[in-house]
Amino acid sequence: RQLYGAYDESREGGGGFCRLYGPEEIPGNIGGF
């Protein structure tokens, strides 16, 4: 999480998580969504 935060802040235009990770990350985030 710490390293991803540094990576995402270095990107222009945002959208880092959804371009970096695959669809296997979707199910575990649906409850919060």
Full PDB file with SEQRES, HELIX, SHEET, SSBOND, CRYST1, ORIGX, SCALE, CONECT and MASTER records, all heavy atoms in Angstrom:
SEQRES   1 A   33  ARG GLN LEU TYR GLY ALA TYR ASP GLU SER ARG GLU GLY          
SEQRES   2 A   33  GLY GLY GLY PHE CYS ARG LEU TYR GLY PRO GLU GLU ILE          
SEQRES   3 A   33  PRO GLY ASN ILE GLY GLY PHE                                  
HELIX    1 AA1 GLN A    2  GLU A    9  1                                   8    
HELIX    2 AA2 GLY A   16  LEU A   20  1                                   5    
HELIX    3 AA3 PRO A   23  GLU A   25  5                                   3    
HELIX    4 AA4 PRO A   27  ASN A   29  5                                   3    
CRYST1    1.000    1.000    1.000  90.00  90.00  90.00 P 1           1          
ORIGX1      1.000000  0.000000  0.000000        0.00000                         
ORIGX2      0.000000  1.000000  0.000000        0.00000                         
ORIGX3      0.000000  0.000000  1.000000        0.00000                         
SCALE1      1.000000  0.000000  0.000000        0.00000                         
SCALE2      0.000000  1.000000  0.000000        0.00000                         
SCALE3      0.000000  0.000000  1.000000        0.00000                         
ATOM      1  N   ARG A   1       0.837  -1.200   0.000  1.00  0.00           N  
ATOM      2  CA  ARG A   1       0.000   0.000   0.000  1.00  0.00           C  
ATOM      3  C   ARG A   1       0.872   1.251   0.000  1.00  0.00           C  
ATOM      4  O   ARG A   1       0.623   2.203  -0.730  1.00  0.00           O  
ATOM      5  CB  ARG A   1      -0.906  -0.011   1.227  1.00  0.00           C  
ATOM      6  CG  ARG A   1      -1.896   1.136   1.264  1.00  0.00           C  
ATOM      7  CD  ARG A   1      -2.687   1.113   2.558  1.00  0.00           C  
ATOM      8  NE  ARG A   1      -3.380  -0.156   2.754  1.00  0.00           N  
ATOM      9  CZ  ARG A   1      -4.125  -0.428   3.807  1.00  0.00           C  
ATOM     10  NH1 ARG A   1      -4.261   0.483   4.768  1.00  0.00           N  
ATOM     11  NH2 ARG A   1      -4.720  -1.593   3.920  1.00  0.00           N  
ATOM     12  N   GLN A   2       1.928   1.239   0.802  1.00  0.00           N  
ATOM     13  CA  GLN A   2       2.833   2.385   0.862  1.00  0.00           C  
ATOM     14  C   GLN A   2       3.531   2.588  -0.479  1.00  0.00           C  
ATOM     15  O   GLN A   2       3.624   3.704  -0.981  1.00  0.00           O  
ATOM     16  CB  GLN A   2       3.864   2.169   1.970  1.00  0.00           C  
ATOM     17  CG  GLN A   2       4.905   3.275   2.077  1.00  0.00           C  
ATOM     18  CD  GLN A   2       5.971   2.958   3.114  1.00  0.00           C  
ATOM     19  OE1 GLN A   2       5.920   1.923   3.761  1.00  0.00           O  
ATOM     20  NE2 GLN A   2       6.940   3.836   3.243  1.00  0.00           N  
ATOM     21  N   LEU A   3       3.998   1.502  -1.056  1.00  0.00           N  
ATOM     22  CA  LEU A   3       4.710   1.616  -2.329  1.00  0.00           C  
ATOM     23  C   LEU A   3       3.765   2.014  -3.455  1.00  0.00           C  
ATOM     24  O   LEU A   3       4.109   2.811  -4.319  1.00  0.00           O  
ATOM     25  CB  LEU A   3       5.400   0.286  -2.643  1.00  0.00           C  
ATOM     26  CG  LEU A   3       6.535  -0.074  -1.687  1.00  0.00           C  
ATOM     27  CD1 LEU A   3       6.989  -1.508  -1.930  1.00  0.00           C  
ATOM     28  CD2 LEU A   3       7.696   0.882  -1.857  1.00  0.00           C  
ATOM     29  N   TYR A   4       2.533   1.459  -3.448  1.00  0.00           N  
ATOM     30  CA  TYR A   4       1.574   1.842  -4.479  1.00  0.00           C  
ATOM     31  C   TYR A   4       1.247   3.323  -4.382  1.00  0.00           C  
ATOM     32  O   TYR A   4       1.120   4.017  -5.397  1.00  0.00           O  
ATOM     33  CB  TYR A   4       0.280   1.039  -4.369  1.00  0.00           C  
ATOM     34  CG  TYR A   4      -0.788   1.620  -5.250  1.00  0.00           C  
ATOM     35  CD1 TYR A   4      -0.733   1.448  -6.629  1.00  0.00           C  
ATOM     36  CD2 TYR A   4      -1.804   2.415  -4.724  1.00  0.00           C  
ATOM     37  CE1 TYR A   4      -1.677   2.030  -7.460  1.00  0.00           C  
ATOM     38  CE2 TYR A   4      -2.748   2.998  -5.541  1.00  0.00           C  
ATOM     39  CZ  TYR A   4      -2.683   2.796  -6.909  1.00  0.00           C  
ATOM     40  OH  TYR A   4      -3.611   3.393  -7.721  1.00  0.00           O  
ATOM     41  N   GLY A   5       1.115   3.838  -3.147  1.00  0.00           N  
ATOM     42  CA  GLY A   5       0.817   5.258  -2.979  1.00  0.00           C  
ATOM     43  C   GLY A   5       1.872   6.125  -3.617  1.00  0.00           C  
ATOM     44  O   GLY A   5       1.560   7.111  -4.299  1.00  0.00           O  
ATOM     45  N   ALA A   6       3.139   5.764  -3.421  1.00  0.00           N  
ATOM     46  CA  ALA A   6       4.220   6.529  -4.041  1.00  0.00           C  
ATOM     47  C   ALA A   6       4.168   6.404  -5.558  1.00  0.00           C  
ATOM     48  O   ALA A   6       4.388   7.370  -6.296  1.00  0.00           O  
ATOM     49  CB  ALA A   6       5.564   6.044  -3.512  1.00  0.00           C  
ATOM     50  N   TYR A   7       3.846   5.207  -6.043  1.00  0.00           N  
ATOM     51  CA  TYR A   7       3.744   5.005  -7.491  1.00  0.00           C  
ATOM     52  C   TYR A   7       2.605   5.828  -8.086  1.00  0.00           C  
ATOM     53  O   TYR A   7       2.755   6.501  -9.104  1.00  0.00           O  
ATOM     54  CB  TYR A   7       3.514   3.518  -7.776  1.00  0.00           C  
ATOM     55  CG  TYR A   7       2.964   3.228  -9.164  1.00  0.00           C  
ATOM     56  CD1 TYR A   7       3.781   3.291 -10.279  1.00  0.00           C  
ATOM     57  CD2 TYR A   7       1.626   2.898  -9.342  1.00  0.00           C  
ATOM     58  CE1 TYR A   7       3.279   3.043 -11.546  1.00  0.00           C  
ATOM     59  CE2 TYR A   7       1.108   2.645 -10.588  1.00  0.00           C  
ATOM     60  CZ  TYR A   7       1.941   2.714 -11.695  1.00  0.00           C  
ATOM     61  OH  TYR A   7       1.430   2.467 -12.938  1.00  0.00           O  
ATOM     62  N   ASP A   8       1.438   5.801  -7.425  1.00  0.00           N  
ATOM     63  CA  ASP A   8       0.272   6.491  -7.959  1.00  0.00           C  
ATOM     64  C   ASP A   8       0.480   8.000  -7.972  1.00  0.00           C  
ATOM     65  O   ASP A   8       0.052   8.686  -8.892  1.00  0.00           O  
ATOM     66  CB  ASP A   8      -0.963   6.143  -7.133  1.00  0.00           C  
ATOM     67  CG  ASP A   8      -2.260   6.483  -7.855  1.00  0.00           C  
ATOM     68  OD1 ASP A   8      -2.375   6.135  -9.045  1.00  0.00           O  
ATOM     69  OD2 ASP A   8      -3.146   7.090  -7.243  1.00  0.00           O  
ATOM     70  N   GLU A   9       1.137   8.522  -6.947  1.00  0.00           N  
ATOM     71  CA  GLU A   9       1.386   9.954  -6.900  1.00  0.00           C  
ATOM     72  C   GLU A   9       2.317  10.403  -8.015  1.00  0.00           C  
ATOM     73  O   GLU A   9       2.284  11.561  -8.434  1.00  0.00           O  
ATOM     74  CB  GLU A   9       1.980  10.336  -5.544  1.00  0.00           C  
ATOM     75  CG  GLU A   9       0.986  10.254  -4.398  1.00  0.00           C  
ATOM     76  CD  GLU A   9       1.630  10.547  -3.062  1.00  0.00           C  
ATOM     77  OE1 GLU A   9       2.837  10.889  -3.060  1.00  0.00           O  
ATOM     78  OE2 GLU A   9       0.944  10.442  -2.033  1.00  0.00           O  
ATOM     79  N   SER A  10       3.147   9.492  -8.511  1.00  0.00           N  
ATOM     80  CA  SER A  10       4.098   9.857  -9.565  1.00  0.00           C  
ATOM     81  C   SER A  10       3.466   9.832 -10.950  1.00  0.00           C  
ATOM     82  O   SER A  10       4.069  10.283 -11.919  1.00  0.00           O  
ATOM     83  CB  SER A  10       5.285   8.884  -9.548  1.00  0.00           C  
ATOM     84  OG  SER A  10       4.884   7.581  -9.972  1.00  0.00           O  
ATOM     85  N   ARG A  11       2.243   9.319 -11.057  1.00  0.00           N  
ATOM     86  CA  ARG A  11       1.579   9.222 -12.350  1.00  0.00           C  
ATOM     87  C   ARG A  11       0.851  10.525 -12.684  1.00  0.00           C  
ATOM     88  O   ARG A  11       0.413  11.254 -11.815  1.00  0.00           O  
ATOM     89  CB  ARG A  11       0.547   8.081 -12.356  1.00  0.00           C  
ATOM     90  CG  ARG A  11       1.163   6.707 -12.285  1.00  0.00           C  
ATOM     91  CD  ARG A  11       0.059   5.669 -12.272  1.00  0.00           C  
ATOM     92  NE  ARG A  11      -0.779   5.757 -13.449  1.00  0.00           N  
ATOM     93  CZ  ARG A  11      -0.541   5.138 -14.599  1.00  0.00           C  
ATOM     94  NH1 ARG A  11       0.513   4.388 -14.715  1.00  0.00           N  
ATOM     95  NH2 ARG A  11      -1.371   5.251 -15.619  1.00  0.00           N  
ATOM     96  N   GLU A  12       0.740  10.784 -13.961  1.00  0.00           N  
ATOM     97  CA  GLU A  12      -0.050  11.922 -14.415  1.00  0.00           C  
ATOM     98  C   GLU A  12      -1.381  11.400 -14.923  1.00  0.00           C  
ATOM     99  O   GLU A  12      -1.442  10.435 -15.675  1.00  0.00           O  
ATOM    100  CB  GLU A  12       0.673  12.681 -15.529  1.00  0.00           C  
ATOM    101  CG  GLU A  12       1.961  13.357 -15.080  1.00  0.00           C  
ATOM    102  CD  GLU A  12       2.601  14.150 -16.193  1.00  0.00           C  
ATOM    103  OE1 GLU A  12       2.010  14.200 -17.294  1.00  0.00           O  
ATOM    104  OE2 GLU A  12       3.677  14.717 -15.963  1.00  0.00           O  
ATOM    105  N   GLY A  13      -2.459  12.039 -14.512  1.00  0.00           N  
ATOM    106  CA  GLY A  13      -3.780  11.641 -14.993  1.00  0.00           C  
ATOM    107  C   GLY A  13      -4.486  10.636 -14.117  1.00  0.00           C  
ATOM    108  O   GLY A  13      -5.652  10.344 -14.345  1.00  0.00           O  
ATOM    109  N   GLY A  14      -3.816  10.095 -13.094  1.00  0.00           N  
ATOM    110  CA  GLY A  14      -4.483   9.158 -12.185  1.00  0.00           C  
ATOM    111  C   GLY A  14      -4.809   7.838 -12.856  1.00  0.00           C  
ATOM    112  O   GLY A  14      -4.263   7.474 -13.899  1.00  0.00           O  
ATOM    113  N   GLY A  15      -5.743   7.098 -12.259  1.00  0.00           N  
ATOM    114  CA  GLY A  15      -6.150   5.812 -12.819  1.00  0.00           C  
ATOM    115  C   GLY A  15      -5.142   4.712 -12.636  1.00  0.00           C  
ATOM    116  O   GLY A  15      -5.190   3.690 -13.324  1.00  0.00           O  
ATOM    117  N   GLY A  16      -4.209   4.892 -11.694  1.00  0.00           N  
ATOM    118  CA  GLY A  16      -3.126   3.939 -11.571  1.00  0.00           C  
ATOM    119  C   GLY A  16      -3.560   2.556 -11.147  1.00  0.00           C  
ATOM    120  O   GLY A  16      -3.094   1.556 -11.695  1.00  0.00           O  
ATOM    121  N   PHE A  17      -4.443   2.445 -10.160  1.00  0.00           N  
ATOM    122  CA  PHE A  17      -4.792   1.132  -9.630  1.00  0.00           C  
ATOM    123  C   PHE A  17      -5.418   0.244 -10.706  1.00  0.00           C  
ATOM    124  O   PHE A  17      -5.041  -0.915 -10.863  1.00  0.00           O  
ATOM    125  CB  PHE A  17      -5.749   1.279  -8.449  1.00  0.00           C  
ATOM    126  CG  PHE A  17      -6.028  -0.015  -7.743  1.00  0.00           C  
ATOM    127  CD1 PHE A  17      -5.212  -0.442  -6.715  1.00  0.00           C  
ATOM    128  CD2 PHE A  17      -7.093  -0.813  -8.109  1.00  0.00           C  
ATOM    129  CE1 PHE A  17      -5.453  -1.649  -6.058  1.00  0.00           C  
ATOM    130  CE2 PHE A  17      -7.348  -2.019  -7.466  1.00  0.00           C  
ATOM    131  CZ  PHE A  17      -6.521  -2.430  -6.443  1.00  0.00           C  
ATOM    132  N   CYS A  18      -6.379   0.778 -11.442  1.00  0.00           N  
ATOM    133  CA  CYS A  18      -7.110  -0.045 -12.407  1.00  0.00           C  
ATOM    134  C   CYS A  18      -6.274  -0.384 -13.634  1.00  0.00           C  
ATOM    135  O   CYS A  18      -6.615  -1.321 -14.367  1.00  0.00           O  
ATOM    136  CB  CYS A  18      -8.402   0.662 -12.837  1.00  0.00           C  
ATOM    137  SG  CYS A  18      -9.644   0.705 -11.523  1.00  0.00           S  
ATOM    138  N   ARG A  19      -5.205   0.332 -13.875  1.00  0.00           N  
ATOM    139  CA  ARG A  19      -4.313  -0.017 -14.986  1.00  0.00           C  
ATOM    140  C   ARG A  19      -3.157  -0.893 -14.527  1.00  0.00           C  
ATOM    141  O   ARG A  19      -2.495  -1.524 -15.337  1.00  0.00           O  
ATOM    142  CB  ARG A  19      -3.781   1.255 -15.656  1.00  0.00           C  
ATOM    143  CG  ARG A  19      -4.884   2.053 -16.321  1.00  0.00           C  
ATOM    144  CD  ARG A  19      -4.364   3.121 -17.264  1.00  0.00           C  
ATOM    145  NE  ARG A  19      -5.468   3.848 -17.875  1.00  0.00           N  
ATOM    146  CZ  ARG A  19      -6.172   3.428 -18.918  1.00  0.00           C  
ATOM    147  NH1 ARG A  19      -5.861   2.274 -19.483  1.00  0.00           N  
ATOM    148  NH2 ARG A  19      -7.167   4.134 -19.411  1.00  0.00           N  
ATOM    149  N   LEU A  20      -2.938  -0.922 -13.224  1.00  0.00           N  
ATOM    150  CA  LEU A  20      -1.826  -1.707 -12.696  1.00  0.00           C  
ATOM    151  C   LEU A  20      -2.249  -3.106 -12.276  1.00  0.00           C  
ATOM    152  O   LEU A  20      -1.489  -4.062 -12.410  1.00  0.00           O  
ATOM    153  CB  LEU A  20      -1.219  -0.969 -11.493  1.00  0.00           C  
ATOM    154  CG  LEU A  20       0.108  -1.491 -10.951  1.00  0.00           C  
ATOM    155  CD1 LEU A  20       1.182  -1.445 -12.017  1.00  0.00           C  
ATOM    156  CD2 LEU A  20       0.531  -0.669  -9.736  1.00  0.00           C  
ATOM    157  N   TYR A  21      -3.498  -3.239 -11.797  1.00  0.00           N  
ATOM    158  CA  TYR A  21      -3.953  -4.515 -11.251  1.00  0.00           C  
ATOM    159  C   TYR A  21      -4.978  -5.174 -12.169  1.00  0.00           C  
ATOM    160  O   TYR A  21      -5.654  -4.517 -12.967  1.00  0.00           O  
ATOM    161  CB  TYR A  21      -4.550  -4.319  -9.855  1.00  0.00           C  
ATOM    162  CG  TYR A  21      -3.499  -3.970  -8.827  1.00  0.00           C  
ATOM    163  CD1 TYR A  21      -3.178  -2.642  -8.558  1.00  0.00           C  
ATOM    164  CD2 TYR A  21      -2.794  -4.965  -8.151  1.00  0.00           C  
ATOM    165  CE1 TYR A  21      -2.193  -2.311  -7.629  1.00  0.00           C  
ATOM    166  CE2 TYR A  21      -1.821  -4.641  -7.227  1.00  0.00           C  
ATOM    167  CZ  TYR A  21      -1.523  -3.320  -6.970  1.00  0.00           C  
ATOM    168  OH  TYR A  21      -0.551  -3.002  -6.063  1.00  0.00           O  
ATOM    169  N   GLY A  22      -5.089  -6.499 -12.017  1.00  0.00           N  
ATOM    170  CA  GLY A  22      -5.984  -7.277 -12.852  1.00  0.00           C  
ATOM    171  C   GLY A  22      -7.371  -7.428 -12.252  1.00  0.00           C  
ATOM    172  O   GLY A  22      -7.617  -7.057 -11.093  1.00  0.00           O  
ATOM    173  N   PRO A  23      -8.325  -8.009 -12.996  1.00  0.00           N  
ATOM    174  CA  PRO A  23      -9.716  -8.110 -12.547  1.00  0.00           C  
ATOM    175  C   PRO A  23      -9.913  -8.978 -11.318  1.00  0.00           C  
ATOM    176  O   PRO A  23     -10.985  -8.937 -10.712  1.00  0.00           O  
ATOM    177  CB  PRO A  23     -10.442  -8.688 -13.763  1.00  0.00           C  
ATOM    178  CG  PRO A  23      -9.379  -9.320 -14.601  1.00  0.00           C  
ATOM    179  CD  PRO A  23      -8.148  -8.512 -14.375  1.00  0.00           C  
ATOM    180  N   GLU A  24      -8.908  -9.751 -10.920  1.00  0.00           N  
ATOM    181  CA  GLU A  24      -9.042 -10.544  -9.687  1.00  0.00           C  
ATOM    182  C   GLU A  24      -9.166  -9.653  -8.450  1.00  0.00           C  
ATOM    183  O   GLU A  24      -9.577 -10.130  -7.385  1.00  0.00           O  
ATOM    184  CB  GLU A  24      -7.849 -11.491  -9.532  1.00  0.00           C  
ATOM    185  CG  GLU A  24      -6.521 -10.831  -9.237  1.00  0.00           C  
ATOM    186  CD  GLU A  24      -5.803 -10.327 -10.472  1.00  0.00           C  
ATOM    187  OE1 GLU A  24      -6.354 -10.462 -11.593  1.00  0.00           O  
ATOM    188  OE2 GLU A  24      -4.684  -9.789 -10.327  1.00  0.00           O  
ATOM    189  N   GLU A  25      -8.838  -8.358  -8.577  1.00  0.00           N  
ATOM    190  CA  GLU A  25      -8.979  -7.434  -7.456  1.00  0.00           C  
ATOM    191  C   GLU A  25     -10.410  -6.916  -7.298  1.00  0.00           C  
ATOM    192  O   GLU A  25     -10.739  -6.295  -6.286  1.00  0.00           O  
ATOM    193  CB  GLU A  25      -8.034  -6.230  -7.632  1.00  0.00           C  
ATOM    194  CG  GLU A  25      -6.562  -6.573  -7.628  1.00  0.00           C  
ATOM    195  CD  GLU A  25      -6.081  -7.075  -6.277  1.00  0.00           C  
ATOM    196  OE1 GLU A  25      -6.700  -6.706  -5.265  1.00  0.00           O  
ATOM    197  OE2 GLU A  25      -5.096  -7.832  -6.241  1.00  0.00           O  
ATOM    198  N   ILE A  26     -11.274  -7.157  -8.284  1.00  0.00           N  
ATOM    199  CA  ILE A  26     -12.631  -6.584  -8.240  1.00  0.00           C  
ATOM    200  C   ILE A  26     -13.488  -7.192  -7.135  1.00  0.00           C  
ATOM    201  O   ILE A  26     -14.090  -6.451  -6.342  1.00  0.00           O  
ATOM    202  CB  ILE A  26     -13.317  -6.724  -9.610  1.00  0.00           C  
ATOM    203  CG1 ILE A  26     -12.589  -5.869 -10.656  1.00  0.00           C  
ATOM    204  CG2 ILE A  26     -14.792  -6.319  -9.529  1.00  0.00           C  
ATOM    205  CD1 ILE A  26     -13.131  -6.026 -12.070  1.00  0.00           C  
ATOM    206  N   PRO A  27     -13.626  -8.531  -7.030  1.00  0.00           N  
ATOM    207  CA  PRO A  27     -14.578  -9.090  -6.054  1.00  0.00           C  
ATOM    208  C   PRO A  27     -14.360  -8.614  -4.629  1.00  0.00           C  
ATOM    209  O   PRO A  27     -15.327  -8.299  -3.918  1.00  0.00           O  
ATOM    210  CB  PRO A  27     -14.358 -10.599  -6.190  1.00  0.00           C  
ATOM    211  CG  PRO A  27     -13.905 -10.786  -7.605  1.00  0.00           C  
ATOM    212  CD  PRO A  27     -13.030  -9.596  -7.877  1.00  0.00           C  
ATOM    213  N   GLY A  28     -13.121  -8.527  -4.183  1.00  0.00           N  
ATOM    214  CA  GLY A  28     -12.851  -8.148  -2.809  1.00  0.00           C  
ATOM    215  C   GLY A  28     -13.152  -6.697  -2.487  1.00  0.00           C  
ATOM    216  O   GLY A  28     -13.170  -6.316  -1.310  1.00  0.00           O  
ATOM    217  N   ASN A  29     -13.382  -5.874  -3.503  1.00  0.00           N  
ATOM    218  CA  ASN A  29     -13.654  -4.455  -3.282  1.00  0.00           C  
ATOM    219  C   ASN A  29     -15.120  -4.089  -3.448  1.00  0.00           C  
ATOM    220  O   ASN A  29     -15.494  -2.916  -3.295  1.00  0.00           O  
ATOM    221  CB  ASN A  29     -12.808  -3.612  -4.244  1.00  0.00           C  
ATOM    222  CG  ASN A  29     -11.365  -3.481  -3.800  1.00  0.00           C  
ATOM    223  OD1 ASN A  29     -11.055  -2.725  -2.889  1.00  0.00           O  
ATOM    224  ND2 ASN A  29     -10.481  -4.239  -4.435  1.00  0.00           N  
ATOM    225  N   ILE A  30     -15.961  -5.068  -3.755  1.00  0.00           N  
ATOM    226  CA  ILE A  30     -17.365  -4.766  -4.048  1.00  0.00           C  
ATOM    227  C   ILE A  30     -18.145  -4.369  -2.797  1.00  0.00           C  
ATOM    228  O   ILE A  30     -19.038  -3.506  -2.848  1.00  0.00           O  
ATOM    229  CB  ILE A  30     -18.031  -5.975  -4.743  1.00  0.00           C  
ATOM    230  CG1 ILE A  30     -17.474  -6.115  -6.170  1.00  0.00           C  
ATOM    231  CG2 ILE A  30     -19.543  -5.821  -4.770  1.00  0.00           C  
ATOM    232  CD1 ILE A  30     -17.734  -4.903  -7.065  1.00  0.00           C  
ATOM    233  N   GLY A  31     -17.824  -4.963  -1.647  1.00  0.00           N  
ATOM    234  CA  GLY A  31     -18.536  -4.607  -0.427  1.00  0.00           C  
ATOM    235  C   GLY A  31     -18.427  -3.124  -0.120  1.00  0.00           C  
ATOM    236  O   GLY A  31     -19.425  -2.457   0.178  1.00  0.00           O  
ATOM    237  N   GLY A  32     -17.216  -2.574  -0.209  1.00  0.00           N  
ATOM    238  CA  GLY A  32     -17.015  -1.154   0.024  1.00  0.00           C  
ATOM    239  C   GLY A  32     -17.666  -0.297  -1.044  1.00  0.00           C  
ATOM    240  O   GLY A  32     -18.186   0.787  -0.756  1.00  0.00           O  
ATOM    241  N   PHE A  33     -17.645  -0.786  -2.275  1.00  0.00           N  
ATOM    242  CA  PHE A  33     -18.245  -0.031  -3.384  1.00  0.00           C  
ATOM    243  C   PHE A  33     -19.745   0.142  -3.185  1.00  0.00           C  
ATOM    244  O   PHE A  33     -20.278   1.255  -3.224  1.00  0.00           O  
ATOM    245  CB  PHE A  33     -17.963  -0.748  -4.694  1.00  0.00           C  
ATOM    246  CG  PHE A  33     -18.705  -0.183  -5.879  1.00  0.00           C  
ATOM    247  CD1 PHE A  33     -18.463   1.101  -6.327  1.00  0.00           C  
ATOM    248  CD2 PHE A  33     -19.650  -0.956  -6.542  1.00  0.00           C  
ATOM    249  CE1 PHE A  33     -19.156   1.627  -7.418  1.00  0.00           C  
ATOM    250  CE2 PHE A  33     -20.342  -0.449  -7.636  1.00  0.00           C  
ATOM    251  CZ  PHE A  33     -20.090   0.850  -8.076  1.00  0.00           C  
TER     252      PHE A  33                                                      
MASTER        0    0    0    4    0    0    0    6  251    1    0    3          
END                                                                             
